[in-house]
């Protein structure tokens, strides 16, 4: 029993620290965003609780519902706005602000394979994408991957232009994604 709590056995064996600049973000449906990504996060996760009322103190116990935070990604907008427009079109396809044909057109162009069994039914897989946030070592080798399944955009920041700028600062945009689940995998 003393060996388990011995300070010598509890010492870390790897003394390198995680660098916030050593990462790579890849989203399957947006290949032009990967190269320009400047920031991404591992979303927060929290477990709810159940409170048992008593005449004295409320007693918290383990809950059964996990809540996942948003996946936030920042990227530099390229000169022709190709990466910005690809996300903008994804949002328009999901939200179809002008007509329902925007939805079906987007779905038809993003669906890679024909529906199972043929017919006129189209898959909704084009509405979602998978993404991977790779955490890199100090030698730029992937050591941990955060794999997101079925992500979709819910917000895209606007772009501001101004003639008053005294120094060139390149445009950046932020995307907020929701997703079904993420898992952290050690490589």
N, C-alpha and C. Protein backbone atom coordinates (compact mmCIF):
# COMPACT_ATOMS: atom_id res chain seq x y z
N UNK A 1 0.82 -1.19 0.00
CA UNK A 1 0.00 0.00 0.00
C UNK A 1 0.86 1.26 0.00
N UNK A 2 2.02 1.20 0.62
CA UNK A 2 2.87 2.39 0.69
C UNK A 2 3.51 2.71 -0.65
N UNK A 3 3.67 1.72 -1.53
CA UNK A 3 4.28 2.00 -2.83
C UNK A 3 3.35 2.81 -3.72
N UNK A 4 2.02 2.65 -3.56
CA UNK A 4 1.08 3.39 -4.39
C UNK A 4 1.06 4.87 -4.05
N UNK A 5 1.26 5.21 -2.81
CA UNK A 5 1.20 6.61 -2.41
C UNK A 5 2.57 7.24 -2.26
N UNK A 6 3.58 6.49 -2.60
CA UNK A 6 4.94 7.03 -2.50
C UNK A 6 5.12 8.17 -3.50
N UNK A 7 5.71 9.30 -3.08
CA UNK A 7 5.94 10.41 -4.00
C UNK A 7 6.80 10.03 -5.20
N UNK A 8 7.68 9.08 -5.05
CA UNK A 8 8.53 8.66 -6.17
C UNK A 8 7.71 7.99 -7.27
N UNK A 9 6.69 7.24 -6.90
CA UNK A 9 5.86 6.57 -7.89
C UNK A 9 4.87 7.52 -8.56
N UNK A 10 4.65 8.67 -7.97
CA UNK A 10 3.67 9.61 -8.51
C UNK A 10 4.30 10.70 -9.36
N UNK A 11 5.60 10.65 -9.52
CA UNK A 11 6.28 11.66 -10.33
C UNK A 11 5.95 11.46 -11.81
N UNK A 12 5.81 12.55 -12.56
CA UNK A 12 5.58 12.40 -14.00
C UNK A 12 6.83 11.87 -14.69
N UNK A 13 6.61 11.08 -15.74
CA UNK A 13 7.74 10.55 -16.49
C UNK A 13 8.02 11.37 -17.74
N UNK A 14 7.03 12.14 -18.18
CA UNK A 14 7.20 13.01 -19.34
C UNK A 14 7.08 14.45 -18.86
N UNK A 15 8.13 15.22 -19.04
CA UNK A 15 8.16 16.57 -18.49
C UNK A 15 7.94 17.67 -19.52
N UNK A 16 7.53 17.31 -20.73
CA UNK A 16 7.24 18.32 -21.74
C UNK A 16 5.84 18.88 -21.49
N UNK A 17 5.67 20.18 -21.80
CA UNK A 17 4.39 20.84 -21.64
C UNK A 17 3.68 20.95 -22.98
N UNK A 18 2.37 21.05 -22.91
CA UNK A 18 1.56 21.21 -24.12
C UNK A 18 1.65 22.64 -24.61
N UNK A 19 1.93 22.82 -25.88
CA UNK A 19 2.04 24.15 -26.47
C UNK A 19 0.73 24.50 -27.17
N UNK A 20 0.18 25.69 -26.92
CA UNK A 20 -1.08 26.06 -27.58
C UNK A 20 -0.94 26.35 -29.06
N UNK A 21 0.29 26.39 -29.57
CA UNK A 21 0.48 26.65 -31.00
C UNK A 21 0.74 25.38 -31.81
N UNK A 22 0.82 24.26 -31.17
CA UNK A 22 1.15 22.99 -31.83
C UNK A 22 -0.14 22.20 -32.09
N UNK A 23 -0.86 22.53 -33.14
CA UNK A 23 -2.08 21.81 -33.47
C UNK A 23 -2.34 21.90 -34.97
N UNK A 24 -3.24 21.03 -35.43
CA UNK A 24 -3.70 21.05 -36.82
C UNK A 24 -5.18 20.69 -36.79
N UNK A 25 -5.99 21.46 -37.49
CA UNK A 25 -7.43 21.21 -37.54
C UNK A 25 -7.83 20.84 -38.95
N UNK A 26 -8.55 19.75 -39.09
CA UNK A 26 -8.98 19.30 -40.41
C UNK A 26 -10.47 19.00 -40.35
N UNK A 27 -11.21 19.56 -41.29
CA UNK A 27 -12.63 19.28 -41.41
C UNK A 27 -12.86 18.76 -42.82
N UNK A 28 -13.47 17.61 -42.92
CA UNK A 28 -13.61 16.92 -44.21
C UNK A 28 -14.32 17.77 -45.25
N UNK A 29 -15.39 18.45 -44.87
CA UNK A 29 -16.20 19.19 -45.84
C UNK A 29 -15.60 20.54 -46.22
N UNK A 30 -14.62 21.04 -45.46
CA UNK A 30 -14.04 22.35 -45.73
C UNK A 30 -12.51 22.26 -45.87
N UNK A 31 -12.02 21.70 -46.96
CA UNK A 31 -10.56 21.52 -47.09
C UNK A 31 -9.81 22.85 -47.16
N UNK A 32 -10.44 23.93 -47.60
CA UNK A 32 -9.72 25.20 -47.73
C UNK A 32 -9.60 25.95 -46.40
N UNK A 33 -10.23 25.43 -45.36
CA UNK A 33 -10.13 26.06 -44.04
C UNK A 33 -8.93 25.52 -43.28
N UNK A 34 -8.51 24.29 -43.54
CA UNK A 34 -7.45 23.64 -42.78
C UNK A 34 -6.16 24.45 -42.76
N UNK A 35 -5.69 24.88 -43.91
CA UNK A 35 -4.41 25.56 -43.99
C UNK A 35 -4.45 26.91 -43.27
N UNK A 36 -5.59 27.56 -43.24
CA UNK A 36 -5.70 28.91 -42.70
C UNK A 36 -6.17 28.96 -41.25
N UNK A 37 -6.37 27.82 -40.60
CA UNK A 37 -6.87 27.80 -39.23
C UNK A 37 -5.85 28.41 -38.28
N UNK A 38 -6.31 29.35 -37.45
CA UNK A 38 -5.42 30.00 -36.48
C UNK A 38 -5.76 29.62 -35.05
N UNK A 39 -6.96 29.13 -34.79
CA UNK A 39 -7.35 28.76 -33.43
C UNK A 39 -8.47 27.73 -33.48
N UNK A 40 -8.44 26.81 -32.55
CA UNK A 40 -9.50 25.82 -32.38
C UNK A 40 -9.48 25.41 -30.91
N UNK A 41 -10.56 24.85 -30.44
CA UNK A 41 -10.61 24.48 -29.03
C UNK A 41 -11.07 23.04 -28.85
N UNK A 42 -10.72 22.49 -27.71
CA UNK A 42 -11.36 21.26 -27.24
C UNK A 42 -12.51 21.75 -26.38
N UNK A 43 -13.75 21.47 -26.78
CA UNK A 43 -14.89 22.02 -26.04
C UNK A 43 -14.97 21.51 -24.61
N UNK A 44 -15.58 22.34 -23.78
CA UNK A 44 -15.78 21.94 -22.39
C UNK A 44 -16.84 20.84 -22.33
N UNK A 45 -16.83 20.12 -21.24
CA UNK A 45 -17.79 19.05 -21.01
C UNK A 45 -18.18 19.12 -19.54
N UNK A 46 -19.46 18.95 -19.27
CA UNK A 46 -19.91 18.98 -17.88
C UNK A 46 -20.99 17.94 -17.66
N UNK A 47 -21.03 17.46 -16.44
CA UNK A 47 -22.01 16.44 -16.04
C UNK A 47 -23.02 17.10 -15.12
N UNK A 48 -24.28 16.95 -15.45
CA UNK A 48 -25.32 17.51 -14.60
C UNK A 48 -25.38 16.79 -13.27
N UNK A 49 -26.17 17.33 -12.39
CA UNK A 49 -26.31 16.72 -11.07
C UNK A 49 -27.78 16.69 -10.70
N UNK A 50 -28.10 15.79 -9.80
CA UNK A 50 -29.44 15.70 -9.24
C UNK A 50 -29.33 16.11 -7.78
N UNK A 51 -30.26 16.93 -7.33
CA UNK A 51 -30.23 17.38 -5.95
C UNK A 51 -31.37 16.72 -5.18
N UNK A 52 -31.00 16.07 -4.08
CA UNK A 52 -32.00 15.45 -3.22
C UNK A 52 -32.35 16.45 -2.12
N UNK A 53 -33.61 16.86 -2.08
CA UNK A 53 -33.98 17.82 -1.03
C UNK A 53 -34.11 17.13 0.34
N UNK A 54 -33.64 17.79 1.35
CA UNK A 54 -33.80 17.34 2.73
C UNK A 54 -34.20 18.55 3.56
N UNK A 55 -34.66 18.35 4.75
CA UNK A 55 -34.99 19.51 5.59
C UNK A 55 -33.76 20.32 5.97
N UNK A 56 -32.59 19.76 5.80
CA UNK A 56 -31.37 20.45 6.19
C UNK A 56 -30.62 20.93 4.95
N UNK A 57 -29.64 20.21 4.53
CA UNK A 57 -28.83 20.60 3.36
C UNK A 57 -29.29 19.83 2.13
N UNK A 58 -29.31 20.50 0.98
CA UNK A 58 -29.59 19.82 -0.28
C UNK A 58 -28.40 18.91 -0.58
N UNK A 59 -28.65 17.68 -0.98
CA UNK A 59 -27.57 16.72 -1.22
C UNK A 59 -27.43 16.47 -2.72
N UNK A 60 -26.29 16.87 -3.30
CA UNK A 60 -26.09 16.61 -4.73
C UNK A 60 -25.58 15.18 -4.96
N UNK A 61 -26.09 14.54 -6.02
CA UNK A 61 -25.58 13.24 -6.44
C UNK A 61 -25.29 13.30 -7.93
N UNK A 62 -24.62 12.27 -8.42
CA UNK A 62 -24.26 12.22 -9.83
C UNK A 62 -25.48 12.34 -10.73
N UNK A 63 -25.31 13.12 -11.78
CA UNK A 63 -26.35 13.23 -12.78
C UNK A 63 -26.14 12.20 -13.88
N UNK A 64 -26.96 12.28 -14.91
CA UNK A 64 -26.82 11.32 -16.01
C UNK A 64 -26.81 11.99 -17.38
N UNK A 65 -26.69 13.31 -17.43
CA UNK A 65 -26.68 14.02 -18.69
C UNK A 65 -25.37 14.79 -18.86
N UNK A 66 -24.64 14.49 -19.93
CA UNK A 66 -23.45 15.26 -20.26
C UNK A 66 -23.84 16.42 -21.16
N UNK A 67 -23.19 17.56 -20.95
CA UNK A 67 -23.39 18.72 -21.80
C UNK A 67 -22.05 19.08 -22.41
N UNK A 68 -22.02 19.20 -23.74
CA UNK A 68 -20.80 19.52 -24.45
C UNK A 68 -20.86 20.97 -24.93
N UNK A 69 -19.75 21.68 -24.82
CA UNK A 69 -19.67 23.05 -25.30
C UNK A 69 -19.52 23.09 -26.81
N UNK A 70 -19.45 24.30 -27.35
CA UNK A 70 -19.31 24.49 -28.80
C UNK A 70 -17.87 24.27 -29.24
N UNK A 71 -17.73 23.87 -30.49
CA UNK A 71 -16.43 23.82 -31.15
C UNK A 71 -16.25 25.17 -31.86
N UNK A 72 -15.28 25.95 -31.43
CA UNK A 72 -15.02 27.27 -32.00
C UNK A 72 -13.72 27.23 -32.79
N UNK A 73 -13.79 27.70 -34.03
CA UNK A 73 -12.63 27.68 -34.92
C UNK A 73 -12.45 29.08 -35.51
N UNK A 74 -11.22 29.58 -35.50
CA UNK A 74 -10.88 30.85 -36.15
C UNK A 74 -9.96 30.55 -37.32
N UNK A 75 -10.10 31.32 -38.39
CA UNK A 75 -9.25 31.10 -39.56
C UNK A 75 -9.02 32.42 -40.27
N UNK A 76 -7.90 32.49 -40.99
CA UNK A 76 -7.59 33.64 -41.82
C UNK A 76 -8.35 33.49 -43.14
N UNK A 77 -9.02 34.54 -43.55
CA UNK A 77 -9.81 34.51 -44.79
C UNK A 77 -8.87 34.73 -45.97
N UNK A 78 -8.94 33.83 -46.95
CA UNK A 78 -8.06 33.97 -48.12
C UNK A 78 -8.52 35.13 -49.00
N UNK A 79 -7.66 35.56 -49.92
CA UNK A 79 -7.90 36.75 -50.73
C UNK A 79 -9.20 36.70 -51.52
N UNK A 80 -9.54 35.54 -52.06
CA UNK A 80 -10.75 35.41 -52.87
C UNK A 80 -11.96 34.97 -52.04
N UNK A 81 -11.81 34.92 -50.73
CA UNK A 81 -12.86 34.54 -49.79
C UNK A 81 -13.40 33.13 -50.03
N UNK A 82 -12.60 32.26 -50.64
CA UNK A 82 -13.08 30.91 -50.95
C UNK A 82 -13.43 30.13 -49.69
N UNK A 83 -12.58 30.19 -48.66
CA UNK A 83 -12.88 29.44 -47.44
C UNK A 83 -14.08 30.03 -46.71
N UNK A 84 -14.21 31.35 -46.70
CA UNK A 84 -15.36 32.00 -46.06
C UNK A 84 -16.65 31.64 -46.79
N UNK A 85 -16.62 31.69 -48.12
CA UNK A 85 -17.81 31.40 -48.93
C UNK A 85 -18.24 29.94 -48.76
N UNK A 86 -17.28 29.01 -48.63
CA UNK A 86 -17.66 27.61 -48.47
C UNK A 86 -18.46 27.38 -47.19
N UNK A 87 -18.09 28.07 -46.11
CA UNK A 87 -18.85 27.95 -44.86
C UNK A 87 -20.18 28.68 -44.99
N UNK A 88 -20.15 29.84 -45.61
CA UNK A 88 -21.36 30.63 -45.84
C UNK A 88 -22.38 29.80 -46.63
N UNK A 89 -21.93 29.13 -47.69
CA UNK A 89 -22.82 28.30 -48.49
C UNK A 89 -23.36 27.12 -47.71
N UNK A 90 -22.53 26.56 -46.81
CA UNK A 90 -22.98 25.45 -45.97
C UNK A 90 -24.13 25.92 -45.08
N UNK A 91 -23.97 27.08 -44.47
CA UNK A 91 -25.04 27.63 -43.63
C UNK A 91 -26.30 27.94 -44.44
N UNK A 92 -26.13 28.53 -45.63
CA UNK A 92 -27.29 28.82 -46.48
C UNK A 92 -27.99 27.54 -46.91
N UNK A 93 -27.23 26.50 -47.19
CA UNK A 93 -27.83 25.23 -47.59
C UNK A 93 -28.66 24.61 -46.47
N UNK A 94 -28.19 24.75 -45.25
CA UNK A 94 -28.93 24.20 -44.11
C UNK A 94 -30.15 25.06 -43.79
N UNK A 95 -29.97 26.39 -43.86
CA UNK A 95 -31.04 27.29 -43.45
C UNK A 95 -31.99 27.72 -44.55
N UNK A 96 -31.62 27.55 -45.83
CA UNK A 96 -32.36 27.92 -47.04
C UNK A 96 -33.25 29.16 -46.85
N UNK A 97 -32.61 30.37 -46.79
CA UNK A 97 -33.38 31.59 -46.52
C UNK A 97 -34.27 32.07 -47.67
N UNK A 98 -33.97 31.70 -48.92
CA UNK A 98 -34.76 32.20 -50.05
C UNK A 98 -35.83 31.21 -50.50
N UNK A 99 -35.44 29.94 -50.62
CA UNK A 99 -36.41 28.94 -51.09
C UNK A 99 -35.96 27.56 -50.64
N UNK A 100 -36.88 26.64 -50.64
CA UNK A 100 -36.56 25.27 -50.24
C UNK A 100 -35.62 24.59 -51.23
N UNK A 101 -35.57 25.12 -52.45
CA UNK A 101 -34.68 24.53 -53.44
C UNK A 101 -33.20 24.71 -53.05
N UNK A 102 -32.89 25.75 -52.25
CA UNK A 102 -31.51 25.90 -51.77
C UNK A 102 -31.10 24.69 -50.95
N UNK A 103 -32.02 24.20 -50.14
CA UNK A 103 -31.75 23.04 -49.29
C UNK A 103 -31.51 21.80 -50.14
N UNK A 104 -32.40 21.54 -51.09
CA UNK A 104 -32.25 20.33 -51.90
C UNK A 104 -31.04 20.42 -52.82
N UNK A 105 -30.74 21.61 -53.34
CA UNK A 105 -29.56 21.78 -54.19
C UNK A 105 -28.29 21.54 -53.40
N UNK A 106 -28.22 22.11 -52.22
CA UNK A 106 -27.04 21.90 -51.36
C UNK A 106 -26.89 20.43 -51.01
N UNK A 107 -28.00 19.79 -50.68
CA UNK A 107 -27.96 18.39 -50.30
C UNK A 107 -27.51 17.52 -51.47
N UNK A 108 -27.97 17.83 -52.67
CA UNK A 108 -27.60 17.07 -53.85
C UNK A 108 -26.12 17.23 -54.18
N UNK A 109 -25.58 18.44 -54.01
CA UNK A 109 -24.18 18.67 -54.37
C UNK A 109 -23.21 18.18 -53.31
N UNK A 110 -23.66 18.01 -52.07
CA UNK A 110 -22.73 17.56 -51.02
C UNK A 110 -22.86 16.08 -50.72
N UNK A 111 -23.88 15.42 -51.25
CA UNK A 111 -24.02 13.99 -51.03
C UNK A 111 -23.09 13.26 -51.99
N UNK A 112 -22.17 12.50 -51.44
CA UNK A 112 -21.15 11.84 -52.26
C UNK A 112 -21.63 10.55 -52.89
N UNK A 113 -22.53 9.84 -52.23
CA UNK A 113 -22.93 8.54 -52.77
C UNK A 113 -24.44 8.51 -52.96
N UNK A 114 -24.91 7.68 -53.90
CA UNK A 114 -26.34 7.57 -54.12
C UNK A 114 -27.01 6.93 -52.91
N UNK A 115 -28.30 7.18 -52.71
CA UNK A 115 -29.00 6.60 -51.56
C UNK A 115 -29.05 5.09 -51.65
N UNK A 116 -29.08 4.45 -50.51
CA UNK A 116 -29.17 3.00 -50.46
C UNK A 116 -30.53 2.58 -51.00
N UNK A 117 -30.54 1.65 -51.92
CA UNK A 117 -31.79 1.18 -52.49
C UNK A 117 -32.31 2.02 -53.65
N UNK A 118 -31.56 3.07 -54.04
CA UNK A 118 -31.98 3.91 -55.16
C UNK A 118 -33.16 4.78 -54.80
N UNK A 119 -33.93 5.18 -55.78
CA UNK A 119 -35.10 6.01 -55.55
C UNK A 119 -34.76 7.48 -55.46
N UNK A 120 -35.73 8.29 -55.06
CA UNK A 120 -35.56 9.73 -54.99
C UNK A 120 -35.10 10.22 -53.62
N UNK A 121 -34.94 9.33 -52.68
CA UNK A 121 -34.55 9.73 -51.33
C UNK A 121 -33.06 10.06 -51.33
N UNK A 122 -32.73 11.25 -50.82
CA UNK A 122 -31.32 11.62 -50.73
C UNK A 122 -30.89 11.62 -49.28
N UNK A 123 -29.63 11.30 -49.06
CA UNK A 123 -29.08 11.23 -47.72
C UNK A 123 -28.88 12.63 -47.16
N UNK A 124 -28.94 12.76 -45.85
CA UNK A 124 -28.64 14.05 -45.22
C UNK A 124 -27.18 14.10 -44.76
N UNK A 125 -26.37 13.13 -45.15
CA UNK A 125 -24.97 13.10 -44.73
C UNK A 125 -24.20 14.33 -45.20
N UNK A 126 -24.62 14.94 -46.30
CA UNK A 126 -23.95 16.13 -46.78
C UNK A 126 -24.14 17.34 -45.89
N UNK A 127 -25.08 17.27 -44.98
CA UNK A 127 -25.33 18.38 -44.07
C UNK A 127 -24.33 18.40 -42.92
N UNK A 128 -23.68 17.28 -42.70
CA UNK A 128 -22.75 17.12 -41.59
C UNK A 128 -21.36 16.81 -42.12
N UNK A 129 -20.39 16.91 -41.25
CA UNK A 129 -19.04 16.52 -41.61
C UNK A 129 -18.34 16.01 -40.36
N UNK A 130 -17.27 15.31 -40.54
CA UNK A 130 -16.42 14.92 -39.42
C UNK A 130 -15.21 15.83 -39.40
N UNK A 131 -14.61 16.00 -38.24
CA UNK A 131 -13.45 16.88 -38.11
C UNK A 131 -12.48 16.27 -37.11
N UNK A 132 -11.22 16.66 -37.24
CA UNK A 132 -10.19 16.17 -36.33
C UNK A 132 -9.29 17.32 -35.92
N UNK A 133 -9.10 17.46 -34.63
CA UNK A 133 -8.14 18.40 -34.08
C UNK A 133 -6.95 17.57 -33.60
N UNK A 134 -5.82 17.70 -34.27
CA UNK A 134 -4.62 16.94 -33.91
C UNK A 134 -3.73 17.81 -33.04
N UNK A 135 -3.38 17.29 -31.88
CA UNK A 135 -2.45 17.96 -30.99
C UNK A 135 -1.06 17.42 -31.34
N UNK A 136 -0.13 18.32 -31.59
CA UNK A 136 1.19 17.93 -32.07
C UNK A 136 2.24 18.00 -30.96
N UNK A 137 3.25 17.17 -31.11
CA UNK A 137 4.38 17.20 -30.19
C UNK A 137 5.28 18.38 -30.53
N UNK A 138 6.33 18.56 -29.75
CA UNK A 138 7.27 19.65 -30.04
C UNK A 138 8.04 19.42 -31.34
N UNK A 139 7.91 18.23 -31.93
CA UNK A 139 8.53 17.93 -33.23
C UNK A 139 7.47 17.87 -34.33
N UNK A 140 6.29 18.41 -34.07
CA UNK A 140 5.17 18.48 -35.01
C UNK A 140 4.64 17.12 -35.44
N UNK A 141 4.73 16.14 -34.58
CA UNK A 141 4.13 14.84 -34.84
C UNK A 141 2.82 14.75 -34.06
N UNK A 142 1.76 14.21 -34.67
CA UNK A 142 0.50 14.09 -33.92
C UNK A 142 0.64 13.09 -32.78
N UNK A 143 0.20 13.50 -31.60
CA UNK A 143 0.27 12.62 -30.43
C UNK A 143 -1.11 12.34 -29.83
N UNK A 144 -2.05 13.26 -30.05
CA UNK A 144 -3.42 13.10 -29.59
C UNK A 144 -4.34 13.65 -30.66
N UNK A 145 -5.45 12.95 -30.90
CA UNK A 145 -6.46 13.44 -31.83
C UNK A 145 -7.79 13.59 -31.10
N UNK A 146 -8.44 14.70 -31.36
CA UNK A 146 -9.80 14.91 -30.88
C UNK A 146 -10.70 14.77 -32.10
N UNK A 147 -11.49 13.71 -32.13
CA UNK A 147 -12.30 13.39 -33.30
C UNK A 147 -13.75 13.77 -33.06
N UNK A 148 -14.24 14.67 -33.91
CA UNK A 148 -15.62 15.16 -33.81
C UNK A 148 -16.46 14.45 -34.86
N UNK A 149 -17.63 14.00 -34.47
CA UNK A 149 -18.51 13.36 -35.45
C UNK A 149 -19.76 14.20 -35.66
N UNK A 150 -20.17 14.25 -36.91
CA UNK A 150 -21.40 14.94 -37.34
C UNK A 150 -21.45 16.40 -36.89
N UNK A 151 -20.42 17.16 -37.26
CA UNK A 151 -20.45 18.58 -36.93
C UNK A 151 -21.21 19.34 -38.00
N UNK A 152 -21.76 20.48 -37.61
CA UNK A 152 -22.42 21.38 -38.55
C UNK A 152 -22.29 22.80 -38.01
N UNK A 153 -22.18 23.78 -38.90
CA UNK A 153 -22.00 25.16 -38.44
C UNK A 153 -23.31 25.75 -37.94
N UNK A 154 -23.21 26.57 -36.89
CA UNK A 154 -24.39 27.29 -36.39
C UNK A 154 -24.18 28.80 -36.43
N UNK A 155 -22.92 29.23 -36.58
CA UNK A 155 -22.66 30.67 -36.65
C UNK A 155 -21.35 30.92 -37.40
N UNK A 156 -21.34 32.00 -38.15
CA UNK A 156 -20.16 32.46 -38.87
C UNK A 156 -20.06 33.96 -38.66
N UNK A 157 -18.91 34.43 -38.21
CA UNK A 157 -18.75 35.86 -37.95
C UNK A 157 -18.75 36.64 -39.26
N UNK A 158 -19.01 37.92 -39.14
CA UNK A 158 -18.97 38.79 -40.30
C UNK A 158 -17.56 39.28 -40.57
N UNK A 159 -17.39 39.96 -41.69
CA UNK A 159 -16.10 40.54 -42.05
C UNK A 159 -16.26 42.06 -42.11
N UNK A 160 -15.32 42.79 -41.55
CA UNK A 160 -15.37 44.26 -41.54
C UNK A 160 -14.25 44.80 -42.42
N UNK A 161 -14.62 45.77 -43.24
CA UNK A 161 -13.65 46.43 -44.11
C UNK A 161 -13.61 47.91 -43.74
N UNK A 162 -12.41 48.50 -43.79
CA UNK A 162 -12.28 49.91 -43.41
C UNK A 162 -11.10 50.53 -44.14
N UNK A 163 -11.28 51.76 -44.61
CA UNK A 163 -10.18 52.51 -45.23
C UNK A 163 -9.32 53.21 -44.18
N UNK A 164 -9.77 53.21 -42.93
CA UNK A 164 -9.05 53.90 -41.86
C UNK A 164 -7.89 53.11 -41.30
N UNK A 165 -7.70 51.90 -41.72
CA UNK A 165 -6.63 51.05 -41.16
C UNK A 165 -5.26 51.65 -41.50
N UNK A 166 -4.39 51.72 -40.51
CA UNK A 166 -3.04 52.26 -40.74
C UNK A 166 -2.04 51.15 -41.01
N UNK A 167 -2.38 49.93 -40.61
CA UNK A 167 -1.51 48.79 -40.84
C UNK A 167 -2.37 47.65 -41.36
N UNK A 168 -1.82 46.82 -42.19
CA UNK A 168 -2.59 45.71 -42.75
C UNK A 168 -2.69 44.59 -41.72
N UNK A 169 -3.89 44.31 -41.30
CA UNK A 169 -4.19 43.17 -40.45
C UNK A 169 -5.13 42.29 -41.25
N UNK A 170 -4.73 41.08 -41.51
CA UNK A 170 -5.53 40.21 -42.38
C UNK A 170 -6.82 39.80 -41.69
N UNK A 171 -7.85 39.64 -42.51
CA UNK A 171 -9.16 39.29 -42.02
C UNK A 171 -9.16 37.90 -41.40
N UNK A 172 -9.81 37.79 -40.26
CA UNK A 172 -10.05 36.49 -39.65
C UNK A 172 -11.55 36.34 -39.42
N UNK A 173 -12.00 35.12 -39.42
CA UNK A 173 -13.41 34.83 -39.17
C UNK A 173 -13.50 33.71 -38.15
N UNK A 174 -14.61 33.64 -37.49
CA UNK A 174 -14.84 32.61 -36.48
C UNK A 174 -16.08 31.80 -36.87
N UNK A 175 -15.97 30.50 -36.67
CA UNK A 175 -17.09 29.59 -36.93
C UNK A 175 -17.44 28.92 -35.61
N UNK A 176 -18.71 28.74 -35.36
CA UNK A 176 -19.17 27.98 -34.20
C UNK A 176 -19.86 26.74 -34.74
N UNK A 177 -19.42 25.58 -34.26
CA UNK A 177 -19.98 24.30 -34.69
C UNK A 177 -20.67 23.61 -33.52
N UNK A 178 -21.72 22.89 -33.83
CA UNK A 178 -22.32 21.91 -32.93
C UNK A 178 -21.95 20.54 -33.50
N UNK A 179 -22.07 19.51 -32.69
CA UNK A 179 -21.65 18.17 -33.12
C UNK A 179 -22.37 17.14 -32.29
N UNK A 180 -22.30 15.90 -32.76
CA UNK A 180 -22.95 14.82 -32.01
C UNK A 180 -22.11 14.42 -30.80
N UNK A 181 -20.83 14.20 -31.02
CA UNK A 181 -19.96 13.72 -29.95
C UNK A 181 -18.50 13.94 -30.34
N UNK A 182 -17.65 14.02 -29.37
CA UNK A 182 -16.21 13.98 -29.67
C UNK A 182 -15.53 13.00 -28.75
N UNK A 183 -14.43 12.44 -29.23
CA UNK A 183 -13.63 11.53 -28.43
C UNK A 183 -12.17 11.92 -28.55
N UNK A 184 -11.44 11.70 -27.47
CA UNK A 184 -10.01 12.02 -27.43
C UNK A 184 -9.25 10.70 -27.54
N UNK A 185 -8.39 10.61 -28.56
CA UNK A 185 -7.66 9.38 -28.84
C UNK A 185 -6.17 9.66 -28.75
N UNK A 186 -5.47 8.90 -27.93
CA UNK A 186 -4.01 9.01 -27.83
C UNK A 186 -3.40 8.12 -28.91
N UNK A 187 -2.49 8.69 -29.68
CA UNK A 187 -1.86 7.94 -30.79
C UNK A 187 -0.63 7.19 -30.31
